[in-house]
């Protein structure tokens, strides 16, 4: 409730002239002795004016003038209202302070990303010491820059509802946030999983998929999410942010098939991205000089599924809902057209590289 609203409501209920007055520090020192009476620092002037401190830290006082004196009950109720308002304002101030600190941290990270070697994180940016603990880093990037930016408080509330714990939300730039979560989701994921021996990579992927699903359903607009291994932010927050940003870029660039991107799944893509564009284009042109059968929609889907399942023929056929012999026919046709048999390791690697370079070259 705005200040004017609650004062108007009090004027109406009490039938009194009520004003909020601010004082200088010297005026407050002179006034304070008459405010030391009553349970809510209430004082009575000789002309019948009642004074109640609205907020000593802000040097504010509530001045109430009414022909009839206020009863003890009325004074107590007014005092309770003022106390509640002070608590509400204190909570808002804390939230605003946390957001300002997160913005300052984000600005510092962005500045450090442009440097060859990052500085040590200043002590005034460790968010009350929370960045000394191990945490899981996520990078969230929202697509469509034309959309209205989500208020910080709303996004933080949504993330806290997912993690069921306090998180650190750091705005980096428009529609880009670093999220630092406690480690508890990792143990929760392993407890909930069917496989007790689930790897840390699988647990992190599961958390990332769940978080992206929640954001996609509760939050307007498409978004990309990257997640990496736990870090101690006070030591490696800049390096981890750089890795996550690169991971999202690679995932987008190579059309990895998901909006959740994991750095340990993109090693080959990271290596290929370092090849100069003319060299990539020349390699693809040479590979396609014999045939472009690789990129026919049906065979491309077949190959991507085949590679994702570690070149397992039976599992690929099952995933594609086709007969095993149909899959073998497609792979034989690929061998006839291109001279490469993806059932052989050497040729499988070659075809995988050709497809990746074709995708990134096509988008360039």
Protein backbone atom coordinates (compact mmCIF):
# COMPACT_ATOMS: atom_id res chain seq x y z
CA UNK A 1 0.00 0.00 0.00
CA UNK A 2 1.40 3.40 -0.96
CA UNK A 3 2.16 5.93 1.76
CA UNK A 4 -0.69 8.24 0.77
CA UNK A 5 -3.20 5.37 0.70
CA UNK A 6 -2.65 4.18 4.24
CA UNK A 7 -2.53 7.74 5.63
CA UNK A 8 -5.85 8.57 3.93
CA UNK A 9 -7.36 5.40 5.41
CA UNK A 10 -6.17 6.36 8.90
CA UNK A 11 -7.55 9.90 8.52
CA UNK A 12 -10.93 8.48 7.57
CA UNK A 13 -11.08 5.96 10.42
CA UNK A 14 -9.82 8.29 13.16
CA UNK A 15 -11.37 11.51 11.89
CA UNK A 16 -8.04 13.19 12.47
CA UNK A 17 -5.51 15.39 10.70
CA UNK A 18 -2.54 13.09 10.11
CA UNK A 19 0.75 14.03 8.52
CA UNK A 20 4.06 12.29 7.94
CA UNK A 21 6.91 14.61 8.77
CA UNK A 22 10.62 14.26 8.14
CA UNK A 23 13.28 15.87 10.28
CA UNK A 24 16.93 16.73 10.11
CA UNK A 25 19.23 14.86 12.50
CA UNK A 26 19.41 17.92 14.79
CA UNK A 27 15.62 18.36 14.82
CA UNK A 28 15.21 14.67 15.57
CA UNK A 29 17.54 14.88 18.57
CA UNK A 30 15.42 17.74 19.91
CA UNK A 31 12.18 15.87 19.26
CA UNK A 32 13.21 12.43 20.49
CA UNK A 33 12.91 13.13 24.24
CA UNK A 34 9.13 13.60 23.91
CA UNK A 35 8.89 10.34 21.94
CA UNK A 36 10.11 8.11 24.74
CA UNK A 37 6.69 7.45 26.28
CA UNK A 38 4.28 4.62 25.53
CA UNK A 39 4.76 1.20 23.94
CA UNK A 40 5.30 2.60 20.44
CA UNK A 41 7.42 5.61 21.33
CA UNK A 42 4.29 7.76 21.48
CA UNK A 43 4.32 11.25 22.99
CA UNK A 44 1.67 13.86 23.73
CA UNK A 45 2.22 17.56 23.10
CA UNK A 46 0.55 20.20 25.30
CA UNK A 47 -1.82 21.14 22.45
CA UNK A 48 -3.10 17.56 22.22
CA UNK A 49 -0.96 16.57 19.20
CA UNK A 50 0.11 12.93 19.32
CA UNK A 51 3.49 11.91 17.91
CA UNK A 52 4.50 8.40 16.90
CA UNK A 53 7.79 7.44 15.33
CA UNK A 54 7.19 6.02 11.86
CA UNK A 55 10.83 5.15 11.21
CA UNK A 56 13.65 6.40 13.46
CA UNK A 57 16.30 5.38 10.91
CA UNK A 58 14.70 7.59 8.26
CA UNK A 59 13.95 10.34 10.84
CA UNK A 60 10.21 10.17 10.11
CA UNK A 61 7.44 10.89 12.56
CA UNK A 62 3.65 10.61 12.39
CA UNK A 63 1.84 13.73 13.62
CA UNK A 64 -1.82 13.22 14.63
CA UNK A 65 -4.14 16.12 15.55
CA UNK A 66 -7.72 15.49 16.69
CA UNK A 67 -10.07 17.42 19.05
CA UNK A 68 -10.74 14.31 21.10
CA UNK A 69 -7.71 12.58 22.59
CA UNK A 70 -6.75 9.20 21.18
CA UNK A 71 -7.53 6.25 23.39
CA UNK A 72 -4.87 3.78 24.46
CA UNK A 73 -6.44 1.18 22.15
CA UNK A 74 -6.28 3.55 19.18
CA UNK A 75 -2.66 4.39 19.94
CA UNK A 76 -1.77 0.72 20.17
CA UNK A 77 -3.51 -0.08 16.87
CA UNK A 78 -1.75 2.82 15.14
CA UNK A 79 1.54 1.62 16.61
CA UNK A 80 0.94 -1.88 15.29
CA UNK A 81 0.19 -0.51 11.83
CA UNK A 82 3.36 1.55 11.85
CA UNK A 83 5.37 -1.45 13.04
CA UNK A 84 4.00 -3.61 10.22
CA UNK A 85 4.74 -0.92 7.66
CA UNK A 86 8.31 -0.65 8.93
CA UNK A 87 8.76 -4.43 8.60
CA UNK A 88 7.35 -4.39 5.06
CA UNK A 89 9.65 -1.56 4.09
CA UNK A 90 12.58 -3.36 5.67
CA UNK A 91 11.86 -6.47 3.59
CA UNK A 92 11.56 -4.42 0.42
CA UNK A 93 14.81 -2.65 1.22
CA UNK A 94 16.58 -5.99 1.74
CA UNK A 95 15.26 -7.32 -1.58
CA UNK A 96 16.31 -4.15 -3.42
CA UNK A 97 19.73 -4.33 -1.77
CA UNK A 98 20.19 -7.95 -2.88
CA UNK A 99 19.25 -7.04 -6.44
CA UNK A 100 21.69 -4.13 -6.47
CA UNK A 101 24.46 -6.39 -5.20
CA UNK A 102 23.64 -8.98 -7.88
CA UNK A 103 23.69 -6.27 -10.57
CA UNK A 104 27.08 -5.08 -9.31
CA UNK A 105 28.39 -8.65 -9.42
CA UNK A 106 27.06 -9.13 -12.95
CA UNK A 107 28.70 -5.90 -14.14
CA UNK A 108 32.00 -7.01 -12.60
CA UNK A 109 31.80 -10.43 -14.32
CA UNK A 110 31.08 -8.85 -17.72
CA UNK A 111 34.06 -6.54 -17.27
CA UNK A 112 36.31 -9.47 -16.33
CA UNK A 113 35.22 -11.54 -19.34
CA UNK A 114 37.00 -9.06 -21.61
CA UNK A 115 40.30 -9.48 -19.76
CA UNK A 116 42.99 -12.09 -20.52
CA UNK A 117 43.21 -13.02 -16.83
CA UNK A 118 40.38 -12.37 -14.40
CA UNK A 119 40.96 -10.55 -11.12
CA UNK A 120 40.06 -12.09 -7.79
CA UNK A 121 36.47 -11.53 -6.75
CA UNK A 122 36.26 -8.50 -4.41
CA UNK A 123 35.06 -9.29 -0.90
CA UNK A 124 32.15 -6.87 -1.20
CA UNK A 125 30.70 -8.98 -4.04
CA UNK A 126 30.57 -12.41 -2.38
CA UNK A 127 26.84 -11.93 -1.55
CA UNK A 128 27.16 -12.18 2.20
CA UNK A 129 29.79 -14.93 1.96
CA UNK A 130 27.49 -17.27 0.00
CA UNK A 131 29.89 -17.45 -2.93
CA UNK A 132 32.49 -19.21 -0.79
CA UNK A 133 30.32 -22.36 -0.80
CA UNK A 134 30.26 -24.88 -3.65
CA UNK A 135 27.35 -24.20 -6.01
CA UNK A 136 25.95 -25.42 -9.34
CA UNK A 137 26.28 -22.82 -12.12
CA UNK A 138 23.59 -22.36 -14.77
CA UNK A 139 23.43 -19.83 -17.58
CA UNK A 140 19.99 -18.78 -18.77
CA UNK A 141 19.60 -16.90 -22.05
CA UNK A 142 16.20 -15.78 -23.23
CA UNK A 143 15.53 -15.61 -26.95
CA UNK A 144 13.66 -12.79 -28.72
CA UNK A 145 15.17 -9.57 -27.41
CA UNK A 146 12.01 -7.70 -28.34
CA UNK A 147 10.13 -9.24 -25.41
CA UNK A 148 9.64 -7.31 -22.20
CA UNK A 149 12.39 -8.16 -19.74
CA UNK A 150 11.26 -10.24 -16.77
CA UNK A 151 11.45 -8.35 -13.44
CA UNK A 152 14.34 -9.59 -11.32
CA UNK A 153 12.12 -10.37 -8.33
CA UNK A 154 9.68 -12.43 -10.39
CA UNK A 155 12.39 -14.53 -12.00
CA UNK A 156 14.13 -15.07 -8.65
CA UNK A 157 10.84 -16.16 -7.08
CA UNK A 158 10.23 -18.61 -9.94
CA UNK A 159 13.71 -20.09 -9.58
CA UNK A 160 13.39 -20.41 -5.80
CA UNK A 161 10.14 -22.32 -6.30
CA UNK A 162 12.01 -24.82 -8.48
CA UNK A 163 15.06 -25.29 -6.28
CA UNK A 164 13.08 -24.94 -3.03
CA UNK A 165 16.10 -23.07 -1.63
CA UNK A 166 17.74 -19.69 -1.80
CA UNK A 167 19.64 -19.18 -5.04
CA UNK A 168 21.90 -16.42 -6.34
CA UNK A 169 20.56 -14.79 -9.50
CA UNK A 170 23.07 -12.58 -11.32
CA UNK A 171 21.94 -10.46 -14.30
CA UNK A 172 24.75 -10.31 -16.86
CA UNK A 173 23.11 -8.34 -19.64
CA UNK A 174 19.67 -8.03 -21.18
CA UNK A 175 17.94 -11.43 -21.15
CA UNK A 176 21.00 -13.23 -19.79
CA UNK A 177 21.39 -14.47 -16.21
CA UNK A 178 23.86 -16.54 -14.23
CA UNK A 179 22.12 -18.78 -11.68
CA UNK A 180 23.99 -20.30 -8.75
CA UNK A 181 22.21 -23.09 -6.92
CA UNK A 182 23.13 -25.02 -3.76
CA UNK A 183 24.31 -28.61 -4.27
CA UNK A 184 21.18 -30.23 -2.79
CA UNK A 185 19.46 -30.73 -6.21
CA UNK A 186 22.32 -33.08 -7.13
CA UNK A 187 21.65 -35.45 -4.22
CA UNK A 188 17.89 -35.10 -4.72
CA UNK A 189 18.25 -36.04 -8.39
CA UNK A 190 20.22 -39.18 -7.53
CA UNK A 191 17.73 -40.21 -4.86
CA UNK A 192 14.81 -39.76 -7.27
CA UNK A 193 16.52 -41.55 -10.16
CA UNK A 194 15.91 -45.18 -10.96
CA UNK A 195 19.64 -45.84 -11.27
CA UNK A 196 21.43 -45.51 -7.93
CA UNK A 197 24.76 -45.26 -9.78
CA UNK A 198 23.65 -42.25 -11.86
CA UNK A 199 26.68 -40.17 -12.81
CA UNK A 200 27.10 -36.53 -11.89
CA UNK A 201 26.77 -35.65 -15.58
CA UNK A 202 23.41 -37.47 -15.78
CA UNK A 203 22.18 -35.78 -12.59
CA UNK A 204 23.12 -32.33 -13.86
CA UNK A 205 21.47 -33.02 -17.20
CA UNK A 206 18.30 -34.13 -15.40
CA UNK A 207 18.26 -30.94 -13.30
CA UNK A 208 18.84 -28.80 -16.40
CA UNK A 209 16.03 -30.49 -18.32
CA UNK A 210 13.64 -30.06 -15.41
CA UNK A 211 14.54 -26.40 -14.96
CA UNK A 212 14.14 -25.67 -18.67
CA UNK A 213 10.77 -27.42 -18.75
CA UNK A 214 9.57 -25.32 -15.82
CA UNK A 215 10.81 -22.08 -17.41
CA UNK A 216 9.26 -22.98 -20.76
CA UNK A 217 5.86 -23.62 -19.18
CA UNK A 218 5.85 -20.78 -16.61
CA UNK A 219 7.85 -18.12 -18.44
CA UNK A 220 6.97 -16.51 -21.76
CA UNK A 221 9.50 -16.84 -24.56
CA UNK A 222 12.00 -19.42 -25.69
CA UNK A 223 15.20 -19.81 -23.69
CA UNK A 224 18.49 -21.70 -23.71
CA UNK A 225 20.07 -23.17 -20.60
CA UNK A 226 23.61 -24.40 -19.93
CA UNK A 227 24.76 -26.18 -16.78
CA UNK A 228 28.20 -27.26 -15.64
CA UNK A 229 29.90 -29.03 -12.75
CA UNK A 230 29.79 -27.47 -9.26
CA UNK A 231 32.21 -24.64 -8.60
CA UNK A 232 33.29 -22.38 -5.76
CA UNK A 233 32.09 -19.07 -7.25
CA UNK A 234 34.49 -16.93 -5.24
CA UNK A 235 37.37 -18.59 -7.14
CA UNK A 236 36.10 -19.44 -10.63
CA UNK A 237 32.90 -17.50 -11.30
CA UNK A 238 34.37 -15.69 -14.32
CA UNK A 239 35.86 -18.81 -15.91
CA UNK A 240 32.65 -20.76 -15.35
CA UNK A 241 30.53 -17.99 -16.87
CA UNK A 242 32.79 -17.93 -19.92
CA UNK A 243 32.48 -21.72 -20.31
CA UNK A 244 28.69 -21.63 -20.01
CA UNK A 245 28.38 -18.79 -22.54
CA UNK A 246 30.57 -20.71 -25.00
CA UNK A 247 28.48 -23.84 -24.38
CA UNK A 248 25.24 -22.05 -25.29
CA UNK A 249 26.85 -20.54 -28.39
CA UNK A 250 28.08 -23.96 -29.54
CA UNK A 251 24.74 -25.59 -28.82
CA UNK A 252 22.92 -23.00 -30.88
CA UNK A 253 25.47 -23.01 -33.66
CA UNK A 254 25.62 -26.74 -34.20
CA UNK A 255 21.87 -27.24 -33.69
CA UNK A 256 22.49 -29.73 -30.95
CA UNK A 257 18.81 -30.67 -30.87
CA UNK A 258 18.06 -29.34 -27.41
CA UNK A 259 17.76 -26.05 -25.61
CA UNK A 260 19.69 -27.53 -22.68
CA UNK A 261 23.41 -27.52 -23.42
CA UNK A 262 26.12 -29.43 -21.57
CA UNK A 263 29.82 -28.63 -22.01
CA UNK A 264 30.98 -32.26 -21.74
CA UNK A 265 28.80 -33.15 -24.76
CA UNK A 266 30.34 -30.49 -26.99
CA UNK A 267 34.06 -31.29 -27.02
CA UNK A 268 34.16 -32.11 -30.74
CA UNK A 269 32.03 -29.07 -31.58
CA UNK A 270 34.38 -26.86 -29.56
CA UNK A 271 37.36 -28.19 -31.49
CA UNK A 272 35.69 -27.76 -34.89
CA UNK A 273 34.64 -24.21 -34.09
CA UNK A 274 38.30 -23.20 -33.95
CA UNK A 275 38.79 -24.10 -37.64
CA UNK A 276 38.74 -20.96 -39.85
CA UNK A 277 35.52 -20.58 -41.82
CA UNK A 278 37.17 -20.86 -45.28
CA UNK A 279 38.77 -24.16 -44.26
CA UNK A 280 35.44 -25.50 -42.99
CA UNK A 281 33.69 -24.55 -46.20
CA UNK A 282 36.45 -26.15 -48.31
CA UNK A 283 36.26 -29.40 -46.34
CA UNK A 284 32.46 -29.61 -46.74
CA UNK A 285 32.70 -28.84 -50.45
CA UNK A 286 35.21 -31.64 -50.94
CA UNK A 287 33.08 -34.07 -48.92
CA UNK A 288 30.03 -33.22 -51.03
CA UNK A 289 31.89 -33.45 -54.32
CA UNK A 290 30.89 -37.10 -54.60
CA UNK A 291 27.42 -36.96 -53.05
CA UNK A 292 25.26 -34.87 -50.72
CA UNK A 293 23.30 -37.92 -49.61
CA UNK A 294 24.38 -37.22 -45.99
CA UNK A 295 21.99 -34.32 -45.67
CA UNK A 296 18.83 -35.76 -47.13
CA UNK A 297 16.27 -35.35 -44.30
CA UNK A 298 15.67 -39.08 -43.76
CA UNK A 299 19.32 -40.11 -43.75
CA UNK A 300 20.34 -37.13 -41.59
CA UNK A 301 17.76 -38.08 -38.94
CA UNK A 302 18.95 -41.67 -39.17
CA UNK A 303 22.61 -40.72 -38.75
CA UNK A 304 22.00 -38.34 -35.83
CA UNK A 305 20.01 -41.03 -34.01
CA UNK A 306 22.66 -43.65 -34.86
CA UNK A 307 25.45 -41.48 -33.42
CA UNK A 308 23.47 -40.49 -30.33
CA UNK A 309 23.03 -44.20 -29.52
CA UNK A 310 26.73 -45.01 -29.90
CA UNK A 311 26.29 -46.56 -33.34
CA UNK A 312 24.07 -49.34 -31.97
CA UNK A 313 22.04 -50.72 -34.89
CA UNK A 314 19.32 -52.44 -32.83
CA UNK A 315 18.73 -49.45 -30.52
CA UNK A 316 18.68 -47.04 -33.47
CA UNK A 317 16.09 -49.10 -35.33
CA UNK A 318 13.96 -49.26 -32.19
CA UNK A 319 14.25 -45.50 -31.62
CA UNK A 320 13.30 -44.74 -35.23
CA UNK A 321 10.42 -47.27 -35.18
CA UNK A 322 11.79 -49.05 -38.24
CA UNK A 323 12.86 -52.63 -38.92
CA UNK A 324 16.51 -53.44 -38.40
CA UNK A 325 16.83 -54.42 -42.09
CA UNK A 326 15.44 -51.02 -43.12
CA UNK A 327 18.16 -49.32 -41.11
CA UNK A 328 20.84 -51.55 -42.61
CA UNK A 329 19.53 -50.73 -46.08
CA UNK A 330 19.88 -47.00 -45.40
CA UNK A 331 23.43 -47.42 -44.11
CA UNK A 332 24.35 -49.55 -47.12
CA UNK A 333 22.88 -46.90 -49.43
CA UNK A 334 25.01 -44.27 -47.67
CA UNK A 335 28.10 -46.40 -48.26
CA UNK A 336 27.26 -46.76 -51.95
CA UNK A 337 26.66 -43.02 -52.38
CA UNK A 338 29.57 -41.67 -50.35
CA UNK A 339 32.05 -44.51 -49.95
CA UNK A 340 31.81 -44.24 -46.14
CA UNK A 341 30.51 -47.03 -43.92
CA UNK A 342 29.42 -45.58 -40.56
CA UNK A 343 29.56 -49.06 -39.01
CA UNK A 344 33.34 -48.64 -39.18
CA UNK A 345 34.79 -46.33 -36.51
CA UNK A 346 37.02 -44.32 -38.87
CA UNK A 347 34.19 -43.64 -41.33
CA UNK A 348 31.71 -42.90 -38.53
CA UNK A 349 34.02 -40.18 -37.21
CA UNK A 350 34.40 -38.73 -40.70
CA UNK A 351 30.65 -38.59 -41.31
CA UNK A 352 30.05 -37.06 -37.88
CA UNK A 353 32.58 -34.29 -38.65
CA UNK A 354 31.07 -33.71 -42.09
CA UNK A 355 27.58 -33.27 -40.61
CA UNK A 356 28.75 -30.91 -37.90
CA UNK A 357 30.73 -28.75 -40.31
CA UNK A 358 27.86 -28.74 -42.78
CA UNK A 359 25.50 -27.42 -40.11
CA UNK A 360 27.76 -24.62 -38.96
CA UNK A 361 28.80 -23.72 -42.52
CA UNK A 362 25.17 -23.62 -43.66
CA UNK A 363 24.37 -21.14 -40.88
CA UNK A 364 27.36 -18.89 -41.56
